[in-house]
Amino acid sequence: MTSWTTPDDVERKLRRRWESGGPLRAFAEDVSWEPVGVLLRGPTAGEVAAGLDQVQAWVRVWQRVGGRLGRLEYRRVGGRLVGTNELPARLWVDSYDGLWSAVGAEKQVRRFTELVAAARTSTPRLVEWMLGHPLRVLELESEWPAITRTIQWIDVGSDHGRYLRQIDVPGVDTKFIERHRIVLATLLDHQLDVNRIDLSKPRADFAGRYGFLRRPRYARLRSLTPGRALVDGYGELMFRTDELARRPLPGATVYVIENETTYLAFPAVDDALALFGGGYAVSVLESLSWLSERDVVYWGDIDTHGFAILDRLRRHFPQVRSMLMDRATLLAHEGQWVTEEAQHVAHLENLRPDETDLYSDLVEDVLGPSIRLEQERIWYPLIERAIAAAATGVNR
């Protein structure tokens, strides 16, 4: 009968108990075992009378495999027609070993016990987490020794001012760190003294939270002033932004330009710099506080992302003016429009009224579906006109 409990039914229940992690944690904490009983749904007296052969087959199955799962408890079922029968009624698991055997977890338990014993000696602060997440430890068991050695190295052997690449643990590289970043961060929060952790940084910012150096960010600039080099005869350079933040470059006006070819072809302008924006890479400019003292002109694509970048730049530098990002420029190049594959739709607080109107029209497809005018498609002579207009503070 399909309603009668099978050994597979019981094994699934016991495996769910194992997968909760509770029994393994209790075992590791030396908690006394509490016997586990699983009720077996079996034949009623009427079913015994109606199908004795089926009942006997069900009993034989339990007699054959029941001992592997635990101890069977029987009950008497019968009547006048077939007499009294002893049928399996409950299965008892009487020990931790019994549960391990029932779900085939003996090897895993031995391995977890070894890992916890090692941690009690080498990294005792991690034991509590390991006991709370035993199956996670087992998922990582082949790499767990390398994980704990990495934790020890960061705790004892590292200091601030190093890159993750400099972690000196056999078998551990930056790919290993990235692959196990979440569990490493969790364990470091348990292992390190609180003054070694920058709690203002999320665990996802692994380097920042635990005092490692981040990959530097760079800004690419060229001088637009005829005869004036950026540094020692170099007209174009790429700077680390942390160094550029400390040493401003000369130039009253800074043009932030999104397209690389346009950046390279941008015409000469007295006392000015061109800065290659490269899309959302304008975020690298946020650390250049000296830009707040300059006339900053932003030129990006006329699309929703271009206005989103402009909005972001103005959060840090409210004086930023846009160039060639207006309705007249867009309408003058209708034959050059393309389609923006995925629009940026959000409330942009830092746009000027005319910019907001155009951005809204782009979002709402007033002029056409997802239209976009890329910077490199704008007629080149308009750049000189726009530069002249920018010099007088007029946005065209």
Protein backbone atom coordinates (compact mmCIF):
# COMPACT_ATOMS: atom_id res chain seq x y z
CA MET A 1 0.00 0.00 0.00
CA THR A 2 1.34 3.45 -0.87
CA SER A 3 0.25 4.81 2.50
CA TRP A 4 2.52 2.43 4.41
CA THR A 5 5.87 3.84 5.48
CA THR A 6 8.85 2.53 3.54
CA PRO A 7 12.53 2.47 4.58
CA ASP A 8 13.14 5.19 1.99
CA ASP A 9 10.58 7.40 3.77
CA VAL A 10 12.40 6.97 7.06
CA GLU A 11 15.81 7.50 5.53
CA ARG A 12 14.63 10.80 4.03
CA LYS A 13 13.42 11.96 7.45
CA LEU A 14 16.71 11.01 9.09
CA ARG A 15 18.67 12.73 6.32
CA ARG A 16 16.71 15.95 6.86
CA ARG A 17 17.67 15.75 10.52
CA TRP A 18 21.30 15.30 9.54
CA GLU A 19 21.14 18.16 7.04
CA SER A 20 19.87 20.53 9.72
CA GLY A 21 23.36 20.32 11.24
CA GLY A 22 21.92 20.02 14.72
CA PRO A 23 23.01 16.42 15.48
CA LEU A 24 26.58 17.04 14.30
CA ARG A 25 26.87 20.19 16.38
CA ALA A 26 25.48 18.42 19.45
CA PHE A 27 27.92 15.55 18.93
CA ALA A 28 30.87 17.94 18.64
CA GLU A 29 29.74 19.73 21.82
CA ASP A 30 29.51 16.37 23.66
CA VAL A 31 25.77 16.68 24.25
CA SER A 32 24.12 13.42 25.33
CA TRP A 33 22.13 11.71 22.61
CA GLU A 34 18.34 11.82 22.82
CA PRO A 35 16.80 8.73 21.13
CA VAL A 36 14.91 9.58 17.95
CA GLY A 37 11.72 7.69 17.15
CA VAL A 38 10.09 7.68 13.73
CA LEU A 39 6.49 6.50 13.58
CA LEU A 40 5.82 3.90 10.88
CA ARG A 41 2.44 3.94 9.16
CA GLY A 42 1.56 0.31 8.65
CA PRO A 43 -1.39 -1.96 7.84
CA THR A 44 -4.57 -1.78 9.84
CA ALA A 45 -6.33 -4.96 11.01
CA GLY A 46 -8.69 -4.69 8.06
CA GLU A 47 -5.81 -4.34 5.61
CA VAL A 48 -4.12 -7.37 7.14
CA ALA A 49 -7.27 -9.40 6.54
CA ALA A 50 -7.77 -8.06 3.02
CA GLY A 51 -4.21 -8.46 1.77
CA LEU A 52 -2.08 -10.71 3.93
CA ASP A 53 0.47 -11.32 1.16
CA GLN A 54 1.10 -7.58 0.77
CA VAL A 55 1.44 -7.17 4.52
CA GLN A 56 3.93 -10.01 4.78
CA ALA A 57 5.98 -8.51 1.93
CA TRP A 58 6.03 -5.12 3.69
CA VAL A 59 7.15 -6.78 6.95
CA ARG A 60 9.91 -8.70 5.16
CA VAL A 61 11.25 -5.46 3.68
CA TRP A 62 11.51 -3.95 7.14
CA GLN A 63 13.07 -7.08 8.61
CA ARG A 64 15.67 -7.06 5.87
CA VAL A 65 16.71 -3.37 6.00
CA GLY A 66 15.26 -1.98 9.20
CA GLY A 67 18.30 -2.85 11.28
CA ARG A 68 20.48 -0.68 9.05
CA LEU A 69 18.37 2.33 9.92
CA GLY A 70 17.80 1.62 13.60
CA ARG A 71 15.92 -0.49 16.12
CA LEU A 72 12.42 -1.62 15.18
CA GLU A 73 9.60 -1.51 17.71
CA TYR A 74 6.63 -3.76 16.95
CA ARG A 75 2.91 -3.64 17.71
CA ARG A 76 0.28 -6.33 17.65
CA VAL A 77 -2.35 -6.15 14.93
CA GLY A 78 -4.93 -8.84 14.16
CA GLY A 79 -8.41 -10.25 14.52
CA ARG A 80 -10.52 -13.31 14.29
CA LEU A 81 -9.84 -13.94 10.61
CA VAL A 82 -6.02 -13.84 10.48
CA GLY A 83 -4.93 -13.99 14.09
CA THR A 84 -2.51 -11.66 15.80
CA ASN A 85 0.49 -10.29 13.87
CA GLU A 86 3.58 -8.41 15.02
CA LEU A 87 4.09 -5.44 12.68
CA PRO A 88 6.80 -2.73 12.68
CA ALA A 89 5.36 0.36 14.37
CA ARG A 90 8.29 2.65 15.10
CA LEU A 91 11.96 2.90 14.26
CA TRP A 92 14.35 4.12 16.94
CA VAL A 93 17.78 5.63 16.43
CA ASP A 94 19.52 5.01 19.74
CA SER A 95 22.86 6.76 19.26
CA TYR A 96 24.85 9.26 17.23
CA ASP A 97 26.59 6.34 15.55
CA GLY A 98 23.19 4.95 14.62
CA LEU A 99 22.25 8.19 12.85
CA TRP A 100 25.61 8.43 11.08
CA SER A 101 25.19 4.86 9.87
CA ALA A 102 21.60 5.39 8.73
CA VAL A 103 22.52 8.33 6.50
CA GLY A 104 25.99 7.12 5.51
CA ALA A 105 27.79 10.03 7.19
CA GLU A 106 30.49 8.23 9.20
CA LYS A 107 33.35 9.56 7.05
CA GLN A 108 32.01 13.13 7.16
CA VAL A 109 31.66 13.01 10.94
CA ARG A 110 35.25 11.84 11.33
CA ARG A 111 36.45 14.63 9.07
CA PHE A 112 34.46 17.30 10.89
CA THR A 113 35.75 16.03 14.23
CA GLU A 114 39.32 16.29 12.92
CA LEU A 115 38.79 19.85 11.66
CA VAL A 116 37.23 21.02 14.93
CA ALA A 117 40.02 19.39 16.96
CA ALA A 118 42.62 21.17 14.82
CA ALA A 119 40.80 24.48 15.19
CA ARG A 120 40.67 24.18 18.98
CA THR A 121 44.48 24.25 18.89
CA SER A 122 45.26 26.65 16.04
CA THR A 123 42.26 29.01 15.73
CA PRO A 124 40.01 28.54 18.78
CA ARG A 125 38.01 31.66 17.98
CA LEU A 126 36.64 29.91 14.89
CA VAL A 127 35.29 26.89 16.71
CA GLU A 128 31.99 28.51 17.65
CA TRP A 129 31.26 29.36 14.02
CA MET A 130 32.30 25.89 12.86
CA LEU A 131 29.93 24.26 15.36
CA GLY A 132 27.13 26.52 14.19
CA HIS A 133 27.73 25.70 10.51
CA PRO A 134 29.03 22.12 10.43
CA LEU A 135 27.73 21.23 6.99
CA ARG A 136 29.23 24.40 5.51
CA VAL A 137 32.57 23.34 6.96
CA LEU A 138 32.14 19.92 5.37
CA GLU A 139 31.32 21.51 2.00
CA LEU A 140 34.70 23.21 2.21
CA GLU A 141 36.56 20.40 3.95
CA SER A 142 39.15 19.86 1.22
CA GLU A 143 40.13 23.54 1.30
CA TRP A 144 39.42 24.19 4.96
CA PRO A 145 43.08 23.83 6.05
CA ALA A 146 44.11 26.47 3.49
CA ILE A 147 41.25 28.69 4.64
CA THR A 148 42.33 28.52 8.27
CA ARG A 149 46.00 29.05 7.38
CA THR A 150 44.94 32.17 5.48
CA ILE A 151 43.04 33.39 8.54
CA GLN A 152 46.11 32.77 10.70
CA TRP A 153 48.42 34.57 8.28
CA ILE A 154 46.19 37.63 8.13
CA ASP A 155 45.88 37.62 11.92
CA VAL A 156 49.54 37.10 12.76
CA GLY A 157 51.66 37.66 9.70
CA SER A 158 50.11 40.60 7.89
CA ASP A 159 50.06 44.30 8.44
CA HIS A 160 48.37 47.19 6.73
CA GLY A 161 49.78 48.38 3.43
CA ARG A 162 49.89 45.08 1.56
CA TYR A 163 47.93 43.79 -1.40
CA LEU A 164 45.99 40.54 -1.31
CA ARG A 165 48.51 39.25 -3.83
CA GLN A 166 51.11 39.30 -1.04
CA ILE A 167 49.35 36.74 1.15
CA ASP A 168 52.03 34.12 1.67
CA VAL A 169 50.19 30.85 2.24
CA PRO A 170 50.97 27.73 0.19
CA GLY A 171 48.23 27.01 -2.33
CA VAL A 172 46.52 30.37 -1.77
CA ASP A 173 46.34 33.04 -4.44
CA THR A 174 44.03 35.93 -5.26
CA LYS A 175 41.61 33.60 -7.09
CA PHE A 176 41.39 31.48 -3.94
CA ILE A 177 40.65 34.61 -1.89
CA GLU A 178 37.93 35.72 -4.29
CA ARG A 179 36.38 32.26 -4.44
CA HIS A 180 36.14 32.06 -0.64
CA ARG A 181 35.77 35.78 0.08
CA ILE A 182 32.47 35.50 1.95
CA VAL A 183 33.49 32.70 4.32
CA LEU A 184 36.93 34.26 4.86
CA ALA A 185 35.32 37.56 5.79
CA THR A 186 32.96 35.83 8.20
CA LEU A 187 35.79 33.96 9.87
CA LEU A 188 38.03 37.03 10.05
CA ASP A 189 35.26 38.84 11.91
CA HIS A 190 35.50 36.08 14.53
CA GLN A 191 39.28 35.81 14.58
CA LEU A 192 40.58 39.39 14.44
CA ASP A 193 40.53 41.91 17.22
CA VAL A 194 37.88 44.49 16.52
CA ASN A 195 40.48 47.24 16.03
CA ARG A 196 41.78 45.28 13.01
CA ILE A 197 38.44 45.54 11.22
CA ASP A 198 37.02 48.62 9.52
CA LEU A 199 33.38 48.04 10.42
CA SER A 200 32.32 50.92 8.18
CA LYS A 201 33.20 48.73 5.19
CA PRO A 202 30.96 45.79 4.22
CA ARG A 203 32.31 42.27 4.04
CA ALA A 204 32.03 42.48 0.27
CA ASP A 205 34.79 45.12 0.40
CA PHE A 206 37.28 42.53 1.61
CA ALA A 207 40.41 44.64 1.09
CA GLY A 208 38.97 47.75 2.71
CA ARG A 209 37.45 45.94 5.69
CA TYR A 210 40.65 44.09 6.64
CA GLY A 211 43.31 46.68 5.84
CA PHE A 212 44.60 45.53 2.46
CA LEU A 213 45.50 47.90 -0.34
CA ARG A 214 43.03 48.18 -3.20
CA ARG A 215 44.00 48.21 -6.83
CA PRO A 216 44.76 51.86 -7.60
CA ARG A 217 42.41 53.86 -9.77
CA TYR A 218 43.69 55.99 -12.61
CA ALA A 219 42.72 59.16 -14.43
CA ARG A 220 43.87 59.97 -17.97
CA LEU A 221 44.43 63.61 -18.87
CA ARG A 222 45.93 65.71 -21.64
CA SER A 223 46.79 69.36 -21.78
CA LEU A 224 44.66 71.47 -24.13
CA THR A 225 46.80 74.57 -23.65
CA PRO A 226 49.17 75.12 -26.58
CA GLY A 227 52.76 74.93 -25.42
CA ARG A 228 51.90 73.79 -21.88
CA ALA A 229 52.81 70.28 -20.79
CA LEU A 230 51.17 68.42 -17.98
CA VAL A 231 54.45 67.40 -16.36
CA ASP A 232 58.02 67.77 -17.63
CA GLY A 233 57.26 67.81 -21.34
CA TYR A 234 54.47 65.22 -21.31
CA GLY A 235 51.28 66.38 -23.00
CA GLU A 236 49.22 63.38 -21.92
CA LEU A 237 49.58 61.11 -18.89
CA MET A 238 47.70 58.62 -16.77
CA PHE A 239 47.86 59.34 -13.04
CA ARG A 240 46.96 57.36 -9.94
CA THR A 241 43.98 59.23 -8.55
CA ASP A 242 45.29 59.14 -4.97
CA GLU A 243 48.44 60.94 -6.14
CA LEU A 244 46.53 63.27 -8.45
CA ALA A 245 44.27 64.22 -5.54
CA ARG A 246 47.32 65.45 -3.63
CA ARG A 247 48.95 67.29 -6.55
CA PRO A 248 46.53 69.31 -8.71
CA LEU A 249 47.39 70.03 -12.34
CA PRO A 250 47.27 73.52 -13.85
CA GLY A 251 44.22 74.48 -15.87
CA ALA A 252 41.31 76.75 -15.08
CA THR A 253 38.86 74.62 -17.09
CA VAL A 254 38.59 70.83 -17.12
CA TYR A 255 36.63 69.13 -19.91
CA VAL A 256 35.39 65.65 -18.98
CA ILE A 257 34.91 63.78 -22.26
CA GLU A 258 33.37 60.33 -22.59
CA ASN A 259 34.48 59.09 -26.01
CA GLU A 260 38.20 58.28 -26.35
CA THR A 261 38.61 59.41 -29.95
CA THR A 262 36.81 62.66 -29.22
CA TYR A 263 39.00 63.13 -26.14
CA LEU A 264 42.11 62.72 -28.30
CA ALA A 265 40.78 65.00 -31.06
CA PHE A 266 39.46 67.70 -28.73
CA PRO A 267 40.73 71.09 -29.97
CA ALA A 268 43.15 73.35 -28.17
CA VAL A 269 41.74 75.52 -25.38
CA ASP A 270 43.70 78.08 -23.39
CA ASP A 271 44.38 77.17 -19.76
CA ALA A 272 42.43 73.90 -19.96
CA LEU A 273 42.70 70.15 -19.47
CA ALA A 274 40.88 67.26 -21.14
CA LEU A 275 40.00 64.34 -18.91
CA PHE A 276 38.90 61.01 -20.37
CA GLY A 277 35.70 60.03 -18.58
CA GLY A 278 35.13 56.57 -20.03
CA GLY A 279 31.48 56.15 -19.01
CA TYR A 280 30.82 55.52 -15.36
CA ALA A 281 34.57 55.67 -14.76
CA VAL A 282 33.90 59.33 -13.86
CA SER A 283 33.55 57.92 -10.35
CA VAL A 284 37.35 58.11 -10.13
CA LEU A 285 37.05 61.89 -10.22
CA GLU A 286 35.14 62.06 -6.96
CA SER A 287 38.38 62.01 -4.95
CA LEU A 288 39.85 65.00 -6.84
CA SER A 289 38.65 67.68 -4.47
CA TRP A 290 40.57 70.38 -6.34
CA LEU A 291 38.05 70.07 -9.19
CA SER A 292 35.63 71.98 -6.99
CA GLU A 293 37.79 75.05 -7.64
CA ARG A 294 37.81 74.63 -11.42
CA ASP A 295 35.35 75.28 -14.20
CA VAL A 296 34.30 71.71 -15.05
CA VAL A 297 32.52 71.02 -18.33
CA TYR A 298 31.04 67.57 -18.93
CA TRP A 299 30.33 66.20 -22.38
CA GLY A 300 28.72 62.79 -22.71
CA ASP A 301 26.34 60.95 -25.01
CA ILE A 302 22.82 62.31 -25.26
CA ASP A 303 21.07 59.34 -23.73
CA THR A 304 19.74 58.36 -20.32
CA HIS A 305 23.13 57.08 -19.12
CA GLY A 306 24.87 60.28 -20.20
CA PHE A 307 22.50 62.32 -18.04
CA ALA A 308 22.89 59.85 -15.16
CA ILE A 309 26.67 60.35 -15.28
CA LEU A 310 26.21 64.11 -15.37
CA ASP A 311 23.91 63.89 -12.35
CA ARG A 312 26.44 61.79 -10.44
CA LEU A 313 29.29 64.18 -11.23
CA ARG A 314 27.24 67.15 -10.00
CA ARG A 315 26.63 65.45 -6.65
CA HIS A 316 30.29 66.08 -5.92
CA PHE A 317 30.91 69.14 -8.07
CA PRO A 318 27.70 71.22 -8.32
CA GLN A 319 29.31 73.76 -10.64
CA VAL A 320 29.66 71.24 -13.49
CA ARG A 321 28.24 72.47 -16.79
CA SER A 322 27.20 70.23 -19.66
CA MET A 323 28.24 70.71 -23.27
CA LEU A 324 26.42 69.58 -26.41
CA MET A 325 23.88 67.66 -24.37
CA ASP A 326 20.86 69.75 -25.28
CA ARG A 327 17.71 69.39 -27.37
CA ALA A 328 18.98 71.52 -30.25
CA THR A 329 22.06 69.33 -30.71
CA LEU A 330 19.94 66.20 -30.59
CA LEU A 331 17.41 67.42 -33.14
CA ALA A 332 20.15 68.69 -35.47
CA HIS A 333 21.54 65.14 -35.74
CA GLU A 334 18.36 63.11 -36.22
CA GLY A 335 19.97 61.12 -39.01
CA GLN A 336 22.68 59.98 -36.56
CA TRP A 337 20.39 58.64 -33.85
CA VAL A 338 20.84 55.07 -32.68
CA THR A 339 19.01 52.97 -30.11
CA GLU A 340 19.96 52.81 -26.42
CA GLU A 341 19.83 49.12 -25.53
CA ALA A 342 19.03 49.52 -21.81
CA GLN A 343 17.92 52.84 -20.43
CA HIS A 344 18.81 54.24 -17.02
CA VAL A 345 15.51 55.21 -15.42
CA ALA A 346 15.70 57.06 -12.10
CA HIS A 347 14.99 60.40 -10.51
CA LEU A 348 18.02 62.59 -11.23
CA GLU A 349 18.12 65.43 -8.72
CA ASN A 350 21.11 67.33 -10.07
CA LEU A 351 20.06 68.13 -13.62
CA ARG A 352 19.21 71.66 -14.72
CA PRO A 353 15.59 72.26 -15.87
CA ASP A 354 16.36 71.98 -19.60
CA GLU A 355 18.41 68.83 -19.00
CA THR A 356 15.63 67.34 -16.88
CA ASP A 357 13.09 68.02 -19.64
CA LEU A 358 15.25 66.32 -22.27
CA TYR A 359 16.04 63.39 -19.98
CA SER A 360 12.33 62.89 -19.30
CA ASP A 361 11.57 62.92 -23.03
CA LEU A 362 14.24 60.27 -23.60
CA VAL A 363 12.86 58.06 -20.84
CA GLU A 364 9.27 58.48 -22.04
CA ASP A 365 10.20 57.96 -25.73
CA VAL A 366 8.66 61.30 -26.69
CA LEU A 367 11.06 61.72 -29.63
CA GLY A 368 11.25 58.05 -30.52
CA PRO A 369 11.88 54.66 -28.92
CA SER A 370 15.06 54.67 -26.77
CA ILE A 371 16.85 57.18 -28.95
CA ARG A 372 20.50 57.95 -28.41
CA LEU A 373 23.01 60.35 -29.95
CA GLU A 374 26.56 59.19 -29.36
CA GLN A 375 29.22 61.79 -28.81
CA GLU A 376 31.36 60.73 -31.77
CA ARG A 377 28.42 61.25 -34.18
CA ILE A 378 28.17 65.00 -33.50
CA TRP A 379 29.40 67.32 -36.26
CA TYR A 380 32.98 68.27 -35.34
CA PRO A 381 32.74 72.05 -36.05
CA LEU A 382 30.10 72.25 -33.32
CA ILE A 383 32.81 71.49 -30.78
CA GLU A 384 34.60 74.81 -31.45
CA ARG A 385 31.29 76.65 -31.18
CA ALA A 386 30.47 74.86 -27.93
CA ILE A 387 33.90 75.72 -26.51
CA ALA A 388 33.35 79.37 -27.31
CA ALA A 389 29.91 79.22 -25.74
CA ALA A 390 31.30 77.48 -22.64
CA ALA A 391 33.89 80.21 -22.27
CA THR A 392 31.06 82.72 -21.90
CA GLY A 393 29.06 80.47 -19.57
CA VAL A 394 26.39 79.72 -22.18
CA ASN A 395 25.37 76.05 -22.56
CA ARG A 396 24.59 75.21 -26.18
